[in-house]
């Protein structure tokens, strides 16, 4: 793809064989995404599939890093679904920032490797427009026992 205007992001998803999931229902008092000017910020998204978590636990403990990276990819897809529902995915000019939280077992230091699951997916979908600033943070616990949570900030056209 030569640039963000070359095709729609929905067409790119179809080309990659990726379907956005339904927007995840919030588990507390918040909305999935908010627009402020030309930015959309998502709430932290958990790796929900069909309304439930695929697994729970801490990365480096009961959850291995490769499975957690797959979960981070699911979180990113859930965030994209929230953006699509709010403004339409084709309005995205670029991914600005990704923050990934990894529920980490004592001594686990591979948080960047886990959050790469989200970052690499965004790169596959958006190409150069998917290059972003990022934080990968190890935490003691996440909501519902999830191993990973991801939030996105995107800029609109």
N, C-alpha and C. Protein backbone atom coordinates (compact mmCIF):
# COMPACT_ATOMS: atom_id res chain seq x y z
N UNK A 1 0.85 -1.16 0.00
CA UNK A 1 0.00 0.00 0.00
C UNK A 1 0.90 1.23 0.00
N UNK A 2 0.68 2.14 -0.90
CA UNK A 2 1.57 3.28 -1.04
C UNK A 2 1.34 4.36 0.00
N UNK A 3 0.19 4.43 0.61
CA UNK A 3 -0.08 5.43 1.62
C UNK A 3 -1.47 5.23 2.19
N UNK A 4 -1.81 5.98 3.24
CA UNK A 4 -3.08 5.76 3.89
C UNK A 4 -4.29 6.04 2.99
N UNK A 5 -4.12 6.83 1.93
CA UNK A 5 -5.23 7.14 1.05
C UNK A 5 -5.43 6.08 -0.04
N UNK A 6 -4.47 5.14 -0.19
CA UNK A 6 -4.49 4.20 -1.30
C UNK A 6 -5.70 3.27 -1.28
N UNK A 7 -6.16 2.87 -0.11
CA UNK A 7 -7.34 2.03 -0.02
C UNK A 7 -7.95 2.21 1.36
N UNK A 8 -9.15 1.73 1.52
CA UNK A 8 -9.78 1.87 2.83
C UNK A 8 -9.17 0.85 3.79
N UNK A 9 -9.22 1.19 5.08
CA UNK A 9 -8.70 0.25 6.09
C UNK A 9 -9.59 -0.99 6.15
N UNK A 10 -10.88 -0.84 5.88
CA UNK A 10 -11.75 -2.02 5.84
C UNK A 10 -11.33 -2.96 4.70
N UNK A 11 -10.95 -2.38 3.57
CA UNK A 11 -10.47 -3.20 2.45
C UNK A 11 -9.17 -3.91 2.85
N UNK A 12 -8.31 -3.21 3.56
CA UNK A 12 -7.04 -3.81 4.00
C UNK A 12 -7.31 -4.96 4.97
N UNK A 13 -8.25 -4.78 5.89
CA UNK A 13 -8.61 -5.88 6.80
C UNK A 13 -9.09 -7.09 6.02
N UNK A 14 -9.96 -6.86 5.04
CA UNK A 14 -10.49 -7.96 4.22
C UNK A 14 -9.35 -8.66 3.48
N UNK A 15 -8.42 -7.87 2.94
CA UNK A 15 -7.27 -8.42 2.23
C UNK A 15 -6.44 -9.33 3.14
N UNK A 16 -6.34 -8.96 4.41
CA UNK A 16 -5.58 -9.75 5.38
C UNK A 16 -6.41 -10.88 5.99
N UNK A 17 -7.70 -10.94 5.67
CA UNK A 17 -8.56 -11.97 6.23
C UNK A 17 -8.90 -11.73 7.70
N UNK A 18 -8.92 -10.46 8.09
CA UNK A 18 -9.18 -10.09 9.49
C UNK A 18 -10.58 -9.49 9.59
N UNK A 19 -11.35 -9.97 10.54
CA UNK A 19 -12.67 -9.41 10.83
C UNK A 19 -12.64 -8.75 12.19
N UNK A 20 -13.18 -7.55 12.27
CA UNK A 20 -13.27 -6.89 13.57
C UNK A 20 -14.35 -7.57 14.40
N UNK A 21 -14.08 -7.76 15.68
CA UNK A 21 -15.10 -8.34 16.56
C UNK A 21 -16.16 -7.30 16.89
N UNK A 22 -17.27 -7.73 17.49
CA UNK A 22 -18.23 -6.75 18.01
C UNK A 22 -17.54 -5.93 19.10
N UNK A 23 -18.01 -4.71 19.32
CA UNK A 23 -17.44 -3.87 20.36
C UNK A 23 -17.67 -4.54 21.72
N UNK A 24 -16.59 -4.64 22.49
CA UNK A 24 -16.68 -5.26 23.82
C UNK A 24 -17.51 -4.38 24.75
N UNK A 25 -18.39 -5.00 25.49
CA UNK A 25 -19.20 -4.29 26.47
C UNK A 25 -18.31 -3.86 27.63
N UNK A 26 -18.34 -2.58 28.01
CA UNK A 26 -17.53 -2.14 29.15
C UNK A 26 -17.85 -2.94 30.41
N UNK A 27 -16.81 -3.19 31.23
CA UNK A 27 -16.99 -3.95 32.46
C UNK A 27 -17.15 -3.04 33.67
N UNK A 28 -17.17 -1.72 33.45
CA UNK A 28 -17.34 -0.74 34.54
C UNK A 28 -17.94 0.54 33.94
N UNK A 29 -17.77 1.66 34.63
CA UNK A 29 -18.39 2.93 34.25
C UNK A 29 -17.49 3.73 33.30
N UNK A 30 -17.48 3.36 32.02
CA UNK A 30 -16.71 4.06 31.00
C UNK A 30 -17.29 3.71 29.63
N UNK A 31 -16.82 4.41 28.60
CA UNK A 31 -17.22 4.11 27.24
C UNK A 31 -16.02 3.51 26.50
N UNK A 32 -16.24 2.74 25.45
CA UNK A 32 -15.13 2.08 24.75
C UNK A 32 -14.13 3.04 24.08
N UNK A 33 -14.62 4.20 23.60
CA UNK A 33 -13.73 5.14 22.92
C UNK A 33 -14.33 6.54 22.99
N UNK A 34 -13.44 7.54 22.98
CA UNK A 34 -13.85 8.94 23.03
C UNK A 34 -13.05 9.72 21.99
N UNK A 35 -13.76 10.59 21.27
CA UNK A 35 -13.09 11.48 20.32
C UNK A 35 -12.85 12.82 21.00
N UNK A 36 -11.64 13.35 20.80
CA UNK A 36 -11.30 14.69 21.27
C UNK A 36 -10.55 15.36 20.13
N UNK A 37 -11.21 16.30 19.45
CA UNK A 37 -10.59 16.92 18.28
C UNK A 37 -10.35 15.88 17.20
N UNK A 38 -9.11 15.80 16.74
CA UNK A 38 -8.76 14.84 15.69
C UNK A 38 -8.18 13.54 16.24
N UNK A 39 -8.31 13.34 17.55
CA UNK A 39 -7.81 12.11 18.17
C UNK A 39 -8.96 11.28 18.70
N UNK A 40 -8.78 9.95 18.63
CA UNK A 40 -9.68 9.03 19.31
C UNK A 40 -8.82 8.22 20.28
N UNK A 41 -9.27 8.20 21.53
CA UNK A 41 -8.61 7.43 22.58
C UNK A 41 -9.53 6.27 22.94
N UNK A 42 -9.00 5.06 22.96
CA UNK A 42 -9.82 3.95 23.42
C UNK A 42 -9.57 3.72 24.90
N UNK A 43 -10.57 3.15 25.54
CA UNK A 43 -10.37 2.63 26.88
C UNK A 43 -9.48 1.40 26.74
N UNK A 44 -8.91 0.98 27.84
CA UNK A 44 -8.13 -0.26 27.82
C UNK A 44 -9.02 -1.41 27.39
N UNK A 45 -8.55 -2.17 26.42
CA UNK A 45 -9.34 -3.28 25.88
C UNK A 45 -8.71 -4.60 26.34
N UNK A 46 -9.56 -5.49 26.80
CA UNK A 46 -9.12 -6.82 27.23
C UNK A 46 -9.23 -7.79 26.05
N UNK A 47 -8.59 -8.94 26.13
CA UNK A 47 -8.65 -9.91 25.03
C UNK A 47 -9.94 -10.73 25.03
N UNK A 48 -11.07 -10.03 24.91
CA UNK A 48 -12.36 -10.72 24.86
C UNK A 48 -12.56 -11.39 23.51
N UNK A 49 -13.09 -12.60 23.55
CA UNK A 49 -13.55 -13.32 22.37
C UNK A 49 -14.94 -13.83 22.72
N UNK A 50 -15.91 -13.45 21.90
CA UNK A 50 -17.30 -13.85 22.15
C UNK A 50 -17.75 -13.52 23.57
N UNK A 51 -17.35 -12.35 24.07
CA UNK A 51 -17.81 -11.89 25.37
C UNK A 51 -17.07 -12.42 26.58
N UNK A 52 -16.06 -13.27 26.37
CA UNK A 52 -15.31 -13.81 27.51
C UNK A 52 -13.82 -13.79 27.25
N UNK A 53 -13.06 -13.98 28.31
CA UNK A 53 -11.60 -14.04 28.17
C UNK A 53 -11.17 -15.43 27.75
N UNK A 54 -10.21 -15.50 26.84
CA UNK A 54 -9.67 -16.80 26.41
C UNK A 54 -8.92 -17.49 27.53
N UNK A 55 -8.22 -16.67 28.33
CA UNK A 55 -7.44 -17.21 29.43
C UNK A 55 -7.28 -16.12 30.48
N UNK A 56 -6.93 -16.53 31.67
CA UNK A 56 -6.60 -15.60 32.74
C UNK A 56 -5.24 -16.02 33.30
N UNK A 57 -4.63 -15.13 34.04
CA UNK A 57 -3.37 -15.47 34.69
C UNK A 57 -2.29 -14.45 34.41
N UNK A 58 -1.13 -14.74 34.97
CA UNK A 58 0.00 -13.82 34.83
C UNK A 58 0.99 -14.35 33.81
N UNK A 59 1.50 -13.42 33.02
CA UNK A 59 2.47 -13.76 31.99
C UNK A 59 3.81 -14.06 32.68
N UNK A 60 4.43 -15.15 32.23
CA UNK A 60 5.65 -15.61 32.88
C UNK A 60 5.33 -16.57 34.01
N UNK A 61 4.05 -16.77 34.26
CA UNK A 61 3.57 -17.73 35.26
C UNK A 61 2.72 -18.76 34.52
N UNK A 62 1.39 -18.66 34.70
CA UNK A 62 0.49 -19.61 34.06
C UNK A 62 0.24 -19.31 32.58
N UNK A 63 0.64 -18.13 32.12
CA UNK A 63 0.45 -17.73 30.72
C UNK A 63 1.82 -17.49 30.09
N UNK A 64 2.09 -18.16 28.96
CA UNK A 64 3.40 -17.91 28.34
C UNK A 64 3.34 -16.65 27.45
N UNK A 65 4.50 -16.10 27.19
CA UNK A 65 4.59 -14.82 26.48
C UNK A 65 3.99 -14.90 25.08
N UNK A 66 4.14 -16.01 24.39
CA UNK A 66 3.58 -16.14 23.04
C UNK A 66 2.06 -16.08 23.06
N UNK A 67 1.44 -16.78 24.02
CA UNK A 67 -0.02 -16.70 24.15
C UNK A 67 -0.46 -15.29 24.51
N UNK A 68 0.30 -14.63 25.38
CA UNK A 68 -0.03 -13.27 25.78
C UNK A 68 0.10 -12.31 24.60
N UNK A 69 1.09 -12.52 23.72
CA UNK A 69 1.23 -11.68 22.53
C UNK A 69 0.00 -11.84 21.63
N UNK A 70 -0.51 -13.07 21.53
CA UNK A 70 -1.74 -13.29 20.76
C UNK A 70 -2.91 -12.55 21.43
N UNK A 71 -2.94 -12.56 22.75
CA UNK A 71 -3.98 -11.82 23.48
C UNK A 71 -3.87 -10.32 23.21
N UNK A 72 -2.64 -9.79 23.14
CA UNK A 72 -2.46 -8.37 22.85
C UNK A 72 -3.01 -8.03 21.47
N UNK A 73 -2.85 -8.95 20.53
CA UNK A 73 -3.42 -8.76 19.19
C UNK A 73 -4.95 -8.67 19.28
N UNK A 74 -5.56 -9.55 20.08
CA UNK A 74 -7.01 -9.50 20.26
C UNK A 74 -7.44 -8.18 20.90
N UNK A 75 -6.67 -7.71 21.86
CA UNK A 75 -6.96 -6.41 22.48
C UNK A 75 -6.96 -5.31 21.43
N UNK A 76 -5.95 -5.32 20.56
CA UNK A 76 -5.86 -4.31 19.51
C UNK A 76 -7.05 -4.38 18.57
N UNK A 77 -7.48 -5.58 18.21
CA UNK A 77 -8.66 -5.72 17.36
C UNK A 77 -9.90 -5.17 18.06
N UNK A 78 -10.02 -5.43 19.37
CA UNK A 78 -11.15 -4.89 20.11
C UNK A 78 -11.10 -3.36 20.15
N UNK A 79 -9.90 -2.80 20.26
CA UNK A 79 -9.75 -1.34 20.23
C UNK A 79 -10.14 -0.78 18.86
N UNK A 80 -9.71 -1.46 17.80
CA UNK A 80 -10.08 -1.02 16.45
C UNK A 80 -11.59 -1.08 16.25
N UNK A 81 -12.23 -2.11 16.82
CA UNK A 81 -13.69 -2.22 16.72
C UNK A 81 -14.36 -1.03 17.42
N UNK A 82 -13.81 -0.61 18.57
CA UNK A 82 -14.37 0.53 19.29
C UNK A 82 -14.21 1.81 18.47
N UNK A 83 -13.06 1.96 17.82
CA UNK A 83 -12.82 3.13 16.96
C UNK A 83 -13.77 3.11 15.78
N UNK A 84 -13.91 1.95 15.16
CA UNK A 84 -14.80 1.81 14.00
C UNK A 84 -16.24 2.16 14.38
N UNK A 85 -16.67 1.71 15.55
CA UNK A 85 -18.04 1.97 16.00
C UNK A 85 -18.25 3.46 16.26
N UNK A 86 -17.23 4.16 16.76
CA UNK A 86 -17.36 5.56 17.11
C UNK A 86 -17.29 6.49 15.89
N UNK A 87 -16.28 6.30 15.03
CA UNK A 87 -16.05 7.25 13.94
C UNK A 87 -15.89 6.60 12.57
N UNK A 88 -15.78 5.29 12.52
CA UNK A 88 -15.51 4.60 11.26
C UNK A 88 -14.01 4.45 11.06
N UNK A 89 -13.56 3.24 10.89
CA UNK A 89 -12.13 2.95 10.78
C UNK A 89 -11.47 3.68 9.61
N UNK A 90 -12.23 3.90 8.55
CA UNK A 90 -11.65 4.56 7.38
C UNK A 90 -11.34 6.03 7.62
N UNK A 91 -11.73 6.57 8.77
CA UNK A 91 -11.39 7.95 9.14
C UNK A 91 -10.01 8.05 9.78
N UNK A 92 -9.39 6.90 10.08
CA UNK A 92 -8.08 6.90 10.76
C UNK A 92 -6.98 7.30 9.79
N UNK A 93 -6.21 8.31 10.18
CA UNK A 93 -5.04 8.73 9.39
C UNK A 93 -3.80 7.96 9.83
N UNK A 94 -3.67 7.76 11.15
CA UNK A 94 -2.50 7.04 11.67
C UNK A 94 -2.75 6.60 13.11
N UNK A 95 -1.99 5.60 13.52
CA UNK A 95 -1.95 5.19 14.92
C UNK A 95 -0.89 6.05 15.59
N UNK A 96 -1.26 6.71 16.68
CA UNK A 96 -0.36 7.62 17.36
C UNK A 96 0.37 6.93 18.51
N UNK A 97 -0.38 6.21 19.35
CA UNK A 97 0.20 5.65 20.57
C UNK A 97 -0.51 4.35 20.95
N UNK A 98 0.28 3.43 21.47
CA UNK A 98 -0.21 2.17 22.03
C UNK A 98 0.32 2.07 23.45
N UNK A 99 -0.56 1.73 24.38
CA UNK A 99 -0.13 1.42 25.74
C UNK A 99 -0.61 0.01 26.04
N UNK A 100 0.33 -0.84 26.41
CA UNK A 100 0.00 -2.21 26.77
C UNK A 100 0.36 -2.48 28.21
N UNK A 101 -0.57 -3.10 28.92
CA UNK A 101 -0.36 -3.49 30.31
C UNK A 101 -0.30 -5.01 30.35
N UNK A 102 0.72 -5.53 31.00
CA UNK A 102 0.92 -6.98 31.06
C UNK A 102 0.90 -7.42 32.52
N UNK A 103 -0.07 -8.25 32.88
CA UNK A 103 -0.10 -8.82 34.23
C UNK A 103 1.09 -9.78 34.32
N UNK A 104 2.07 -9.41 35.12
CA UNK A 104 3.36 -10.08 35.09
C UNK A 104 3.65 -10.86 36.36
N UNK A 105 4.08 -12.10 36.17
CA UNK A 105 4.56 -12.89 37.29
C UNK A 105 5.88 -12.28 37.79
N UNK A 106 6.19 -12.50 39.03
CA UNK A 106 7.45 -11.99 39.61
C UNK A 106 8.62 -12.38 38.72
N UNK A 107 9.43 -11.39 38.38
CA UNK A 107 10.63 -11.64 37.58
C UNK A 107 10.43 -11.61 36.08
N UNK A 108 9.19 -11.52 35.60
CA UNK A 108 8.96 -11.47 34.15
C UNK A 108 9.29 -10.08 33.64
N UNK A 109 10.14 -10.02 32.61
CA UNK A 109 10.57 -8.73 32.06
C UNK A 109 10.35 -8.63 30.55
N UNK A 110 9.53 -9.51 30.00
CA UNK A 110 9.31 -9.53 28.55
C UNK A 110 8.09 -8.76 28.09
N UNK A 111 7.69 -7.73 28.82
CA UNK A 111 6.49 -6.96 28.46
C UNK A 111 6.56 -6.42 27.03
N UNK A 112 7.70 -5.88 26.57
CA UNK A 112 7.73 -5.38 25.19
C UNK A 112 7.43 -6.48 24.15
N UNK A 113 7.91 -7.67 24.39
CA UNK A 113 7.66 -8.80 23.48
C UNK A 113 6.17 -9.12 23.42
N UNK A 114 5.50 -9.04 24.56
CA UNK A 114 4.06 -9.31 24.62
C UNK A 114 3.29 -8.25 23.84
N UNK A 115 3.58 -6.98 24.08
CA UNK A 115 2.85 -5.89 23.44
C UNK A 115 3.16 -5.82 21.95
N UNK A 116 4.26 -6.45 21.52
CA UNK A 116 4.52 -6.55 20.08
C UNK A 116 3.37 -7.23 19.35
N UNK A 117 2.61 -8.08 20.01
CA UNK A 117 1.45 -8.71 19.37
C UNK A 117 0.51 -7.65 18.81
N UNK A 118 0.27 -6.60 19.60
CA UNK A 118 -0.59 -5.50 19.14
C UNK A 118 0.13 -4.65 18.10
N UNK A 119 1.38 -4.28 18.39
CA UNK A 119 2.12 -3.39 17.49
C UNK A 119 2.32 -4.00 16.11
N UNK A 120 2.67 -5.27 16.05
CA UNK A 120 2.89 -5.91 14.76
C UNK A 120 1.61 -6.02 13.96
N UNK A 121 0.48 -6.29 14.62
CA UNK A 121 -0.80 -6.33 13.93
C UNK A 121 -1.12 -4.95 13.34
N UNK A 122 -0.93 -3.91 14.11
CA UNK A 122 -1.22 -2.56 13.62
C UNK A 122 -0.32 -2.21 12.44
N UNK A 123 0.92 -2.66 12.47
CA UNK A 123 1.82 -2.46 11.34
C UNK A 123 1.35 -3.18 10.10
N UNK A 124 0.86 -4.41 10.26
CA UNK A 124 0.35 -5.18 9.11
C UNK A 124 -0.87 -4.49 8.50
N UNK A 125 -1.72 -3.95 9.34
CA UNK A 125 -2.94 -3.32 8.84
C UNK A 125 -2.65 -1.95 8.22
N UNK A 126 -1.95 -1.10 8.96
CA UNK A 126 -1.82 0.30 8.59
C UNK A 126 -0.50 0.66 7.91
N UNK A 127 0.44 -0.26 7.81
CA UNK A 127 1.72 0.05 7.18
C UNK A 127 2.42 1.18 7.91
N UNK A 128 2.97 2.14 7.16
CA UNK A 128 3.67 3.28 7.77
C UNK A 128 2.77 4.05 8.73
N UNK A 129 1.49 4.13 8.42
CA UNK A 129 0.54 4.85 9.29
C UNK A 129 0.31 4.10 10.60
N UNK A 130 0.82 2.90 10.71
CA UNK A 130 0.69 2.12 11.94
C UNK A 130 1.88 2.26 12.87
N UNK A 131 2.93 2.97 12.44
CA UNK A 131 4.09 3.19 13.31
C UNK A 131 3.68 4.14 14.41
N UNK A 132 4.00 3.79 15.66
CA UNK A 132 3.44 4.52 16.80
C UNK A 132 4.43 4.60 17.95
N UNK A 133 4.16 5.55 18.84
CA UNK A 133 4.84 5.59 20.14
C UNK A 133 4.18 4.53 21.02
N UNK A 134 4.94 4.02 22.02
CA UNK A 134 4.38 2.91 22.78
C UNK A 134 4.98 2.82 24.17
N UNK A 135 4.17 2.31 25.10
CA UNK A 135 4.63 1.90 26.41
C UNK A 135 4.17 0.48 26.63
N UNK A 136 5.03 -0.34 27.24
CA UNK A 136 4.70 -1.71 27.61
C UNK A 136 4.99 -1.83 29.11
N UNK A 137 3.94 -1.92 29.91
CA UNK A 137 4.05 -1.79 31.35
C UNK A 137 3.68 -3.09 32.04
N UNK A 138 4.53 -3.55 32.95
CA UNK A 138 4.21 -4.71 33.76
C UNK A 138 3.41 -4.28 34.98
N UNK A 139 2.33 -4.99 35.25
CA UNK A 139 1.47 -4.67 36.40
C UNK A 139 1.19 -5.95 37.20
N UNK A 140 0.75 -5.75 38.44
CA UNK A 140 0.48 -6.89 39.32
C UNK A 140 -0.81 -7.62 38.93
N UNK A 141 -1.84 -6.88 38.59
CA UNK A 141 -3.15 -7.48 38.26
C UNK A 141 -3.84 -6.63 37.21
N UNK A 142 -4.71 -7.27 36.42
CA UNK A 142 -5.57 -6.57 35.46
C UNK A 142 -7.01 -6.99 35.71
N UNK A 143 -7.98 -6.20 35.21
CA UNK A 143 -9.39 -6.54 35.43
C UNK A 143 -9.73 -7.96 34.98
N UNK A 144 -10.54 -8.60 35.77
CA UNK A 144 -11.06 -9.96 35.49
C UNK A 144 -9.96 -11.01 35.40
N UNK A 145 -8.75 -10.67 35.82
CA UNK A 145 -7.64 -11.63 35.75
C UNK A 145 -7.02 -11.73 34.37
N UNK A 146 -7.32 -10.77 33.48
CA UNK A 146 -6.77 -10.80 32.12
C UNK A 146 -5.24 -10.72 32.17
N UNK A 147 -4.57 -11.39 31.23
CA UNK A 147 -3.11 -11.31 31.19
C UNK A 147 -2.58 -10.05 30.53
N UNK A 148 -3.41 -9.37 29.71
CA UNK A 148 -2.95 -8.19 28.98
C UNK A 148 -4.13 -7.26 28.69
N UNK A 149 -3.81 -5.98 28.59
CA UNK A 149 -4.80 -4.95 28.25
C UNK A 149 -4.09 -3.94 27.35
N UNK A 150 -4.79 -3.46 26.32
CA UNK A 150 -4.18 -2.53 25.37
C UNK A 150 -5.13 -1.37 25.12
N UNK A 151 -4.56 -0.16 25.06
CA UNK A 151 -5.33 1.02 24.66
C UNK A 151 -4.63 1.69 23.49
N UNK A 152 -5.40 2.31 22.62
CA UNK A 152 -4.88 2.97 21.44
C UNK A 152 -5.29 4.44 21.41
N UNK A 153 -4.44 5.24 20.78
CA UNK A 153 -4.79 6.60 20.38
C UNK A 153 -4.52 6.69 18.90
N UNK A 154 -5.53 7.14 18.15
CA UNK A 154 -5.35 7.31 16.70
C UNK A 154 -5.70 8.75 16.32
N UNK A 155 -5.09 9.20 15.23
CA UNK A 155 -5.39 10.51 14.66
C UNK A 155 -6.32 10.30 13.48
N UNK A 156 -7.30 11.19 13.35
CA UNK A 156 -8.25 11.08 12.24
C UNK A 156 -7.82 11.95 11.08
N UNK A 157 -8.31 11.62 9.89
CA UNK A 157 -8.04 12.39 8.68
C UNK A 157 -8.64 13.77 8.76
